[in-house]
Amino acid sequence: MNKDVVRFLDTYKGDLNVSDAVSRGNRGAFVASWLPLGLSLYALVQLAIWSAELATTATHQPEKLGGILAEKLGIPFLKTLGDFLFHIFAWGHGNHAPEVMLGSVYVVWSLFLLVAARKPQANRTFIEFTIAGNLAHWFAMSIMALTMYGQLYHLYTDCLVPLLSAAFVAAVWIPARQYYKAEGTLA
């Protein structure tokens, strides 16, 4: 394997031997051993999504971006893809300022989560804030989808993103947190 890949995996593997954790049947130890890598990958995915969202909405014409890329790159499918994504994720009509503000917060949040993932037991509050913040975002989006005219489809599209995000982080954090607490290493 490439030395950089090995170094990356060694950095994020955790302090435990995975085979020992699995052989002992301790799910918390197994999850804790892979938690830094899992949170890092999650943070990188969030960073990519929100950076793209921020870049497109900051142009103040995200609905035209697919067409522009299709024309410049000569790939007609990009217009269709851009239109599809815009209509799934765009709320309301014409005002992109909230998306720019939300995107900037999530980009910074992703960067901080990437740093926190290196030592999750020392960053308990931030990881739990990530879960709670995504649940709050999901709840607010769901209320908006139910009450705003013509926005109900969001309940089945982009409202699921923060809910699934919270579910993933909680699924990996809660067993690891219990393990860290039992080991006495939770800050």
C-alpha atoms as a PDB file:
ATOM      1  CA  MET A   1       0.000   0.000   0.000  1.00  0.00           C
ATOM      2  CA  ASN A   2       0.971   3.606  -0.531  1.00  0.00           C
ATOM      3  CA  LYS A   3       2.863   5.078   2.475  1.00  0.00           C
ATOM      4  CA  ASP A   4       0.429   8.005   2.711  1.00  0.00           C
ATOM      5  CA  VAL A   5      -2.549   5.637   2.852  1.00  0.00           C
ATOM      6  CA  VAL A   6      -0.878   3.561   5.566  1.00  0.00           C
ATOM      7  CA  ARG A   7      -0.046   6.713   7.550  1.00  0.00           C
ATOM      8  CA  PHE A   8      -3.663   7.938   7.182  1.00  0.00           C
ATOM      9  CA  LEU A   9      -5.077   4.612   8.377  1.00  0.00           C
ATOM     10  CA  ASP A  10      -2.594   4.451  11.268  1.00  0.00           C
ATOM     11  CA  THR A  11      -3.573   7.963  12.345  1.00  0.00           C
ATOM     12  CA  TYR A  12      -7.292   7.233  12.346  1.00  0.00           C
ATOM     13  CA  LYS A  13      -7.362   3.573  13.328  1.00  0.00           C
ATOM     14  CA  GLY A  14      -7.606   4.347  16.993  1.00  0.00           C
ATOM     15  CA  ASP A  15      -5.742   2.917  19.921  1.00  0.00           C
ATOM     16  CA  LEU A  16      -7.286  -0.542  19.780  1.00  0.00           C
ATOM     17  CA  ASN A  17      -6.510  -3.682  17.880  1.00  0.00           C
ATOM     18  CA  VAL A  18      -9.707  -4.280  15.915  1.00  0.00           C
ATOM     19  CA  SER A  19      -9.425  -8.073  15.944  1.00  0.00           C
ATOM     20  CA  ASP A  20      -9.178  -8.045  19.754  1.00  0.00           C
ATOM     21  CA  ALA A  21     -12.265  -5.838  20.017  1.00  0.00           C
ATOM     22  CA  VAL A  22     -14.275  -8.120  17.745  1.00  0.00           C
ATOM     23  CA  SER A  23     -13.071 -11.339  19.407  1.00  0.00           C
ATOM     24  CA  ARG A  24     -14.095 -10.005  22.822  1.00  0.00           C
ATOM     25  CA  GLY A  25     -17.561  -9.277  21.414  1.00  0.00           C
ATOM     26  CA  ASN A  26     -17.329  -5.693  22.624  1.00  0.00           C
ATOM     27  CA  ARG A  27     -19.204  -3.598  20.083  1.00  0.00           C
ATOM     28  CA  GLY A  28     -18.256  -0.376  21.876  1.00  0.00           C
ATOM     29  CA  ALA A  29     -14.547  -1.186  21.629  1.00  0.00           C
ATOM     30  CA  PHE A  30     -14.892  -2.067  17.961  1.00  0.00           C
ATOM     31  CA  VAL A  31     -16.807   1.135  17.146  1.00  0.00           C
ATOM     32  CA  ALA A  32     -14.398   3.225  19.251  1.00  0.00           C
ATOM     33  CA  SER A  33     -11.446   1.820  17.322  1.00  0.00           C
ATOM     34  CA  TRP A  34     -12.938   3.011  14.029  1.00  0.00           C
ATOM     35  CA  LEU A  35     -14.715   6.141  15.288  1.00  0.00           C
ATOM     36  CA  PRO A  36     -11.954   8.604  14.294  1.00  0.00           C
ATOM     37  CA  LEU A  37     -11.936   7.283  10.721  1.00  0.00           C
ATOM     38  CA  GLY A  38     -15.742   7.176  10.496  1.00  0.00           C
ATOM     39  CA  LEU A  39     -16.161  10.713  11.816  1.00  0.00           C
ATOM     40  CA  SER A  40     -13.382  11.962   9.538  1.00  0.00           C
ATOM     41  CA  LEU A  41     -14.994  10.448   6.453  1.00  0.00           C
ATOM     42  CA  TYR A  42     -18.381  11.829   7.514  1.00  0.00           C
ATOM     43  CA  ALA A  43     -16.837  15.287   7.997  1.00  0.00           C
ATOM     44  CA  LEU A  44     -15.177  15.115   4.563  1.00  0.00           C
ATOM     45  CA  VAL A  45     -18.472  14.168   2.889  1.00  0.00           C
ATOM     46  CA  GLN A  46     -20.246  17.021   4.703  1.00  0.00           C
ATOM     47  CA  LEU A  47     -17.444  19.386   3.731  1.00  0.00           C
ATOM     48  CA  ALA A  48     -17.769  18.401   0.054  1.00  0.00           C
ATOM     49  CA  ILE A  49     -21.566  18.749   0.067  1.00  0.00           C
ATOM     50  CA  TRP A  50     -21.653  22.085   1.868  1.00  0.00           C
ATOM     51  CA  SER A  51     -18.709  23.530  -0.058  1.00  0.00           C
ATOM     52  CA  ALA A  52     -20.519  22.740  -3.311  1.00  0.00           C
ATOM     53  CA  GLU A  53     -23.739  24.214  -1.914  1.00  0.00           C
ATOM     54  CA  LEU A  54     -21.938  27.340  -0.781  1.00  0.00           C
ATOM     55  CA  ALA A  55     -20.136  27.763  -4.096  1.00  0.00           C
ATOM     56  CA  THR A  56     -23.321  27.395  -6.128  1.00  0.00           C
ATOM     57  CA  THR A  57     -25.554  29.628  -4.003  1.00  0.00           C
ATOM     58  CA  ALA A  58     -22.890  32.306  -3.623  1.00  0.00           C
ATOM     59  CA  THR A  59     -23.170  32.866  -7.389  1.00  0.00           C
ATOM     60  CA  HIS A  60     -26.738  34.094  -6.723  1.00  0.00           C
ATOM     61  CA  GLN A  61     -27.910  32.008  -9.665  1.00  0.00           C
ATOM     62  CA  PRO A  62     -27.586  28.364  -8.597  1.00  0.00           C
ATOM     63  CA  GLU A  63     -30.504  27.387 -10.827  1.00  0.00           C
ATOM     64  CA  LYS A  64     -28.393  28.311 -13.883  1.00  0.00           C
ATOM     65  CA  LEU A  65     -25.159  26.615 -12.791  1.00  0.00           C
ATOM     66  CA  GLY A  66     -25.976  23.232 -14.388  1.00  0.00           C
ATOM     67  CA  GLY A  67     -26.633  24.933 -17.732  1.00  0.00           C
ATOM     68  CA  ILE A  68     -23.433  26.960 -17.500  1.00  0.00           C
ATOM     69  CA  LEU A  69     -21.340  23.867 -16.709  1.00  0.00           C
ATOM     70  CA  ALA A  70     -23.070  21.874 -19.460  1.00  0.00           C
ATOM     71  CA  GLU A  71     -22.236  24.571 -21.989  1.00  0.00           C
ATOM     72  CA  LYS A  72     -18.626  25.118 -20.848  1.00  0.00           C
ATOM     73  CA  LEU A  73     -17.762  21.422 -20.510  1.00  0.00           C
ATOM     74  CA  GLY A  74     -19.890  20.185 -23.407  1.00  0.00           C
ATOM     75  CA  ILE A  75     -21.782  17.686 -21.251  1.00  0.00           C
ATOM     76  CA  PRO A  76     -25.544  18.258 -21.744  1.00  0.00           C
ATOM     77  CA  PHE A  77     -26.455  15.936 -18.850  1.00  0.00           C
ATOM     78  CA  LEU A  78     -25.051  18.482 -16.373  1.00  0.00           C
ATOM     79  CA  LYS A  79     -27.949  20.846 -17.121  1.00  0.00           C
ATOM     80  CA  THR A  80     -30.497  18.141 -16.323  1.00  0.00           C
ATOM     81  CA  LEU A  81     -28.591  17.132 -13.186  1.00  0.00           C
ATOM     82  CA  GLY A  82     -28.226  20.756 -12.090  1.00  0.00           C
ATOM     83  CA  ASP A  83     -31.940  21.452 -12.604  1.00  0.00           C
ATOM     84  CA  PHE A  84     -32.874  18.294 -10.691  1.00  0.00           C
ATOM     85  CA  LEU A  85     -30.611  19.088  -7.726  1.00  0.00           C
ATOM     86  CA  PHE A  86     -31.695  22.724  -7.639  1.00  0.00           C
ATOM     87  CA  HIS A  87     -35.379  21.802  -7.466  1.00  0.00           C
ATOM     88  CA  ILE A  88     -34.789  19.236  -4.730  1.00  0.00           C
ATOM     89  CA  PHE A  89     -32.727  21.489  -2.481  1.00  0.00           C
ATOM     90  CA  ALA A  90     -34.048  25.006  -3.229  1.00  0.00           C
ATOM     91  CA  TRP A  91     -36.562  26.443  -0.772  1.00  0.00           C
ATOM     92  CA  GLY A  92     -38.898  29.286  -1.673  1.00  0.00           C
ATOM     93  CA  HIS A  93     -38.236  31.527  -4.640  1.00  0.00           C
ATOM     94  CA  GLY A  94     -35.197  33.598  -5.494  1.00  0.00           C
ATOM     95  CA  ASN A  95     -33.682  34.382  -2.081  1.00  0.00           C
ATOM     96  CA  HIS A  96     -30.380  32.512  -1.768  1.00  0.00           C
ATOM     97  CA  ALA A  97     -28.993  34.452   1.204  1.00  0.00           C
ATOM     98  CA  PRO A  98     -30.138  31.845   3.793  1.00  0.00           C
ATOM     99  CA  GLU A  99     -28.435  29.061   1.829  1.00  0.00           C
ATOM    100  CA  VAL A 100     -25.176  31.020   1.686  1.00  0.00           C
ATOM    101  CA  MET A 101     -25.295  31.625   5.438  1.00  0.00           C
ATOM    102  CA  LEU A 102     -26.220  28.003   6.197  1.00  0.00           C
ATOM    103  CA  GLY A 103     -23.519  26.708   3.851  1.00  0.00           C
ATOM    104  CA  SER A 104     -20.832  28.833   5.486  1.00  0.00           C
ATOM    105  CA  VAL A 105     -21.778  27.547   8.948  1.00  0.00           C
ATOM    106  CA  TYR A 106     -21.776  23.912   7.796  1.00  0.00           C
ATOM    107  CA  VAL A 107     -18.407  24.255   6.026  1.00  0.00           C
ATOM    108  CA  VAL A 108     -16.814  25.537   9.245  1.00  0.00           C
ATOM    109  CA  TRP A 109     -18.681  22.913  11.292  1.00  0.00           C
ATOM    110  CA  SER A 110     -17.295  20.177   9.007  1.00  0.00           C
ATOM    111  CA  LEU A 111     -13.741  21.475   9.395  1.00  0.00           C
ATOM    112  CA  PHE A 112     -14.043  21.512  13.192  1.00  0.00           C
ATOM    113  CA  LEU A 113     -15.550  18.005  13.175  1.00  0.00           C
ATOM    114  CA  LEU A 114     -12.607  16.823  11.085  1.00  0.00           C
ATOM    115  CA  VAL A 115     -10.256  18.090  13.811  1.00  0.00           C
ATOM    116  CA  ALA A 116     -12.455  16.728  16.635  1.00  0.00           C
ATOM    117  CA  ALA A 117     -12.521  13.281  15.013  1.00  0.00           C
ATOM    118  CA  ARG A 118      -8.825  12.736  15.781  1.00  0.00           C
ATOM    119  CA  LYS A 119      -9.565  12.466  19.510  1.00  0.00           C
ATOM    120  CA  PRO A 120     -13.329  11.902  19.859  1.00  0.00           C
ATOM    121  CA  GLN A 121     -13.276  11.117  23.577  1.00  0.00           C
ATOM    122  CA  ALA A 122     -11.793  14.583  24.222  1.00  0.00           C
ATOM    123  CA  ASN A 123     -14.433  16.281  22.025  1.00  0.00           C
ATOM    124  CA  ARG A 124     -17.614  14.791  23.473  1.00  0.00           C
ATOM    125  CA  THR A 125     -19.545  18.062  23.594  1.00  0.00           C
ATOM    126  CA  PHE A 126     -18.826  18.924  19.966  1.00  0.00           C
ATOM    127  CA  ILE A 127     -19.830  15.465  18.713  1.00  0.00           C
ATOM    128  CA  GLU A 128     -23.048  15.564  20.732  1.00  0.00           C
ATOM    129  CA  PHE A 129     -23.676  19.091  19.432  1.00  0.00           C
ATOM    130  CA  THR A 130     -23.304  17.669  15.909  1.00  0.00           C
ATOM    131  CA  ILE A 131     -26.071  15.158  16.626  1.00  0.00           C
ATOM    132  CA  ALA A 132     -28.342  17.707  18.336  1.00  0.00           C
ATOM    133  CA  GLY A 133     -27.699  20.381  15.702  1.00  0.00           C
ATOM    134  CA  ASN A 134     -28.606  18.038  12.863  1.00  0.00           C
ATOM    135  CA  LEU A 135     -31.786  16.981  14.685  1.00  0.00           C
ATOM    136  CA  ALA A 136     -32.722  20.638  15.248  1.00  0.00           C
ATOM    137  CA  HIS A 137     -32.066  21.371  11.559  1.00  0.00           C
ATOM    138  CA  TRP A 138     -34.218  18.396  10.540  1.00  0.00           C
ATOM    139  CA  PHE A 139     -37.036  19.456  12.876  1.00  0.00           C
ATOM    140  CA  ALA A 140     -37.048  23.044  11.569  1.00  0.00           C
ATOM    141  CA  MET A 141     -36.955  21.876   7.948  1.00  0.00           C
ATOM    142  CA  SER A 142     -39.803  19.433   8.582  1.00  0.00           C
ATOM    143  CA  ILE A 143     -42.004  22.137  10.118  1.00  0.00           C
ATOM    144  CA  MET A 144     -41.228  24.421   7.170  1.00  0.00           C
ATOM    145  CA  ALA A 145     -42.006  21.665   4.648  1.00  0.00           C
ATOM    146  CA  LEU A 146     -45.342  20.999   6.344  1.00  0.00           C
ATOM    147  CA  THR A 147     -46.373  24.646   6.623  1.00  0.00           C
ATOM    148  CA  MET A 148     -44.933  26.404   3.551  1.00  0.00           C
ATOM    149  CA  TYR A 149     -47.049  26.334   0.417  1.00  0.00           C
ATOM    150  CA  GLY A 150     -45.593  24.081  -2.285  1.00  0.00           C
ATOM    151  CA  GLN A 151     -42.688  22.811  -0.171  1.00  0.00           C
ATOM    152  CA  LEU A 152     -44.053  19.481   1.124  1.00  0.00           C
ATOM    153  CA  TYR A 153     -41.800  17.451  -1.206  1.00  0.00           C
ATOM    154  CA  HIS A 154     -38.812  18.603   0.863  1.00  0.00           C
ATOM    155  CA  LEU A 155     -40.050  16.313   3.634  1.00  0.00           C
ATOM    156  CA  TYR A 156     -39.057  13.345   1.458  1.00  0.00           C
ATOM    157  CA  THR A 157     -35.906  14.803  -0.084  1.00  0.00           C
ATOM    158  CA  ASP A 158     -33.461  17.162   1.620  1.00  0.00           C
ATOM    159  CA  CYS A 159     -35.177  16.978   5.042  1.00  0.00           C
ATOM    160  CA  LEU A 160     -33.775  13.462   5.258  1.00  0.00           C
ATOM    161  CA  VAL A 161     -30.153  14.660   5.016  1.00  0.00           C
ATOM    162  CA  PRO A 162     -29.827  16.090   8.563  1.00  0.00           C
ATOM    163  CA  LEU A 163     -31.911  13.228   9.995  1.00  0.00           C
ATOM    164  CA  LEU A 164     -29.664  10.593   8.400  1.00  0.00           C
ATOM    165  CA  SER A 165     -26.589  12.596   9.440  1.00  0.00           C
ATOM    166  CA  ALA A 166     -27.722  12.632  13.067  1.00  0.00           C
ATOM    167  CA  ALA A 167     -28.575   8.923  12.906  1.00  0.00           C
ATOM    168  CA  PHE A 168     -25.132   7.995  11.528  1.00  0.00           C
ATOM    169  CA  VAL A 169     -23.175  10.059  14.057  1.00  0.00           C
ATOM    170  CA  ALA A 170     -25.354   8.799  16.936  1.00  0.00           C
ATOM    171  CA  ALA A 171     -24.997   5.183  15.780  1.00  0.00           C
ATOM    172  CA  VAL A 172     -21.210   5.372  15.909  1.00  0.00           C
ATOM    173  CA  TRP A 173     -20.858   7.781  18.827  1.00  0.00           C
ATOM    174  CA  ILE A 174     -23.206   6.263  21.447  1.00  0.00           C
ATOM    175  CA  PRO A 175     -21.553   2.802  21.664  1.00  0.00           C
ATOM    176  CA  ALA A 176     -18.094   4.391  21.552  1.00  0.00           C
ATOM    177  CA  ARG A 177     -19.069   6.901  24.247  1.00  0.00           C
ATOM    178  CA  GLN A 178     -20.230   4.052  26.501  1.00  0.00           C
ATOM    179  CA  TYR A 179     -16.927   2.281  25.913  1.00  0.00           C
ATOM    180  CA  TYR A 180     -14.885   5.429  26.632  1.00  0.00           C
ATOM    181  CA  LYS A 181     -16.909   6.021  29.801  1.00  0.00           C
ATOM    182  CA  ALA A 182     -16.347   2.439  31.021  1.00  0.00           C
ATOM    183  CA  GLU A 183     -12.619   2.767  30.268  1.00  0.00           C
ATOM    184  CA  GLY A 184     -12.452   6.111  32.078  1.00  0.00           C
ATOM    185  CA  THR A 185     -11.117   7.955  29.015  1.00  0.00           C
ATOM    186  CA  LEU A 186     -14.157  10.135  28.283  1.00  0.00           C
ATOM    187  CA  ALA A 187     -13.492  13.835  28.852  1.00  0.00           C
END
